[in-house]
């Protein structure tokens, strides 16, 4: 039984791409918002959600750094703030 738990944990902690992490995070949030989970399950989902949030945050930070490097190479030194009101 220990092996099954170890495999299950290992499968959940493997790195995932941004889109997969975001989709799983959205699913966890929806499930937790329903409020019908046992406390232990909700805590596990919360822990996984934090992990997924960090994966997403890291992927976004990496993408921003890559964009910054590309802009610097093209002669534009800084990113402009995004304004979606236009």
C-alpha atoms as a PDB file:
ATOM      1  CA  UNK A   1       0.000   0.000   0.000  1.00  0.00           C
ATOM      2  CA  UNK A   2       2.932   2.336   0.625  1.00  0.00           C
ATOM      3  CA  UNK A   3       4.058   1.898  -2.967  1.00  0.00           C
ATOM      4  CA  UNK A   4       0.666   3.019  -4.305  1.00  0.00           C
ATOM      5  CA  UNK A   5       0.778   6.143  -2.150  1.00  0.00           C
ATOM      6  CA  UNK A   6       4.325   6.915  -3.247  1.00  0.00           C
ATOM      7  CA  UNK A   7       3.387   6.521  -6.900  1.00  0.00           C
ATOM      8  CA  UNK A   8       0.289   8.650  -6.514  1.00  0.00           C
ATOM      9  CA  UNK A   9       2.286  11.397  -4.782  1.00  0.00           C
ATOM     10  CA  UNK A  10       5.062  11.237  -7.369  1.00  0.00           C
ATOM     11  CA  UNK A  11       2.552  11.506 -10.201  1.00  0.00           C
ATOM     12  CA  UNK A  12       0.958  14.583  -8.626  1.00  0.00           C
ATOM     13  CA  UNK A  13       4.263  16.382  -8.038  1.00  0.00           C
ATOM     14  CA  UNK A  14       5.765  15.908 -11.507  1.00  0.00           C
ATOM     15  CA  UNK A  15       6.286  19.166 -13.382  1.00  0.00           C
ATOM     16  CA  UNK A  16       3.407  20.083 -15.653  1.00  0.00           C
ATOM     17  CA  UNK A  17       3.089  22.711 -18.351  1.00  0.00           C
ATOM     18  CA  UNK A  18       1.405  26.030 -17.631  1.00  0.00           C
ATOM     19  CA  UNK A  19      -1.897  25.234 -19.332  1.00  0.00           C
ATOM     20  CA  UNK A  20      -2.280  21.866 -17.579  1.00  0.00           C
ATOM     21  CA  UNK A  21      -1.387  23.376 -14.214  1.00  0.00           C
ATOM     22  CA  UNK A  22      -3.868  26.217 -14.689  1.00  0.00           C
ATOM     23  CA  UNK A  23      -6.661  23.860 -15.734  1.00  0.00           C
ATOM     24  CA  UNK A  24      -6.052  21.576 -12.749  1.00  0.00           C
ATOM     25  CA  UNK A  25      -5.910  24.597 -10.443  1.00  0.00           C
ATOM     26  CA  UNK A  26      -9.257  25.867 -11.763  1.00  0.00           C
ATOM     27  CA  UNK A  27     -10.787  22.426 -11.173  1.00  0.00           C
ATOM     28  CA  UNK A  28      -9.469  22.349  -7.598  1.00  0.00           C
ATOM     29  CA  UNK A  29     -10.822  25.826  -6.875  1.00  0.00           C
ATOM     30  CA  UNK A  30     -14.265  24.935  -8.228  1.00  0.00           C
ATOM     31  CA  UNK A  31     -14.354  21.757  -6.145  1.00  0.00           C
ATOM     32  CA  UNK A  32     -13.243  23.591  -2.995  1.00  0.00           C
ATOM     33  CA  UNK A  33     -15.767  26.387  -3.561  1.00  0.00           C
ATOM     34  CA  UNK A  34     -18.560  23.823  -3.464  1.00  0.00           C
ATOM     35  CA  UNK A  35     -17.584  23.217   0.166  1.00  0.00           C
ATOM     36  CA  UNK A  36     -18.752  19.626   0.269  1.00  0.00           C
ATOM     37  CA  UNK A  37     -15.370  17.930   0.691  1.00  0.00           C
ATOM     38  CA  UNK A  38     -14.135  16.364   3.897  1.00  0.00           C
ATOM     39  CA  UNK A  39     -11.537  18.551   5.616  1.00  0.00           C
ATOM     40  CA  UNK A  40      -8.654  16.191   4.859  1.00  0.00           C
ATOM     41  CA  UNK A  41      -9.475  16.171   1.138  1.00  0.00           C
ATOM     42  CA  UNK A  42      -9.855  19.962   1.091  1.00  0.00           C
ATOM     43  CA  UNK A  43      -6.446  20.347   2.743  1.00  0.00           C
ATOM     44  CA  UNK A  44      -4.821  18.037   0.183  1.00  0.00           C
ATOM     45  CA  UNK A  45      -6.480  19.974  -2.627  1.00  0.00           C
ATOM     46  CA  UNK A  46      -5.303  23.238  -1.096  1.00  0.00           C
ATOM     47  CA  UNK A  47      -1.747  21.920  -0.863  1.00  0.00           C
ATOM     48  CA  UNK A  48      -1.866  20.821  -4.505  1.00  0.00           C
ATOM     49  CA  UNK A  49      -3.343  24.182  -5.447  1.00  0.00           C
ATOM     50  CA  UNK A  50      -0.415  26.001  -3.853  1.00  0.00           C
ATOM     51  CA  UNK A  51       1.969  23.770  -5.785  1.00  0.00           C
ATOM     52  CA  UNK A  52       0.140  24.435  -9.048  1.00  0.00           C
ATOM     53  CA  UNK A  53       0.033  28.173  -8.343  1.00  0.00           C
ATOM     54  CA  UNK A  54       3.810  28.162  -7.917  1.00  0.00           C
ATOM     55  CA  UNK A  55       4.237  26.272 -11.193  1.00  0.00           C
ATOM     56  CA  UNK A  56       2.053  28.839 -12.993  1.00  0.00           C
ATOM     57  CA  UNK A  57       3.787  31.758 -11.319  1.00  0.00           C
ATOM     58  CA  UNK A  58       7.203  30.381 -12.302  1.00  0.00           C
ATOM     59  CA  UNK A  59       6.138  29.815 -15.902  1.00  0.00           C
ATOM     60  CA  UNK A  60       4.804  33.372 -16.165  1.00  0.00           C
ATOM     61  CA  UNK A  61       7.989  34.788 -14.654  1.00  0.00           C
ATOM     62  CA  UNK A  62      10.103  32.803 -17.126  1.00  0.00           C
ATOM     63  CA  UNK A  63       7.982  34.032 -20.028  1.00  0.00           C
ATOM     64  CA  UNK A  64       8.288  37.635 -18.858  1.00  0.00           C
ATOM     65  CA  UNK A  65      12.070  37.290 -18.630  1.00  0.00           C
ATOM     66  CA  UNK A  66      12.231  35.868 -22.158  1.00  0.00           C
ATOM     67  CA  UNK A  67      10.113  38.741 -23.485  1.00  0.00           C
ATOM     68  CA  UNK A  68      12.339  41.248 -21.681  1.00  0.00           C
ATOM     69  CA  UNK A  69      15.450  39.702 -23.243  1.00  0.00           C
ATOM     70  CA  UNK A  70      13.885  39.804 -26.705  1.00  0.00           C
ATOM     71  CA  UNK A  71      12.883  43.446 -26.230  1.00  0.00           C
ATOM     72  CA  UNK A  72      16.367  44.385 -25.081  1.00  0.00           C
ATOM     73  CA  UNK A  73      17.861  42.685 -28.145  1.00  0.00           C
ATOM     74  CA  UNK A  74      15.492  44.635 -30.395  1.00  0.00           C
ATOM     75  CA  UNK A  75      16.406  47.947 -28.777  1.00  0.00           C
ATOM     76  CA  UNK A  76      13.323  48.441 -26.607  1.00  0.00           C
ATOM     77  CA  UNK A  77      14.621  48.393 -23.038  1.00  0.00           C
ATOM     78  CA  UNK A  78      11.443  48.070 -20.947  1.00  0.00           C
ATOM     79  CA  UNK A  79       8.084  46.338 -20.984  1.00  0.00           C
ATOM     80  CA  UNK A  80       5.112  48.645 -21.177  1.00  0.00           C
ATOM     81  CA  UNK A  81       2.199  48.152 -18.788  1.00  0.00           C
ATOM     82  CA  UNK A  82      -0.795  46.406 -20.292  1.00  0.00           C
ATOM     83  CA  UNK A  83      -3.922  48.544 -20.412  1.00  0.00           C
ATOM     84  CA  UNK A  84      -6.996  46.658 -21.597  1.00  0.00           C
ATOM     85  CA  UNK A  85      -9.241  49.756 -21.501  1.00  0.00           C
ATOM     86  CA  UNK A  86      -8.136  50.761 -24.997  1.00  0.00           C
END
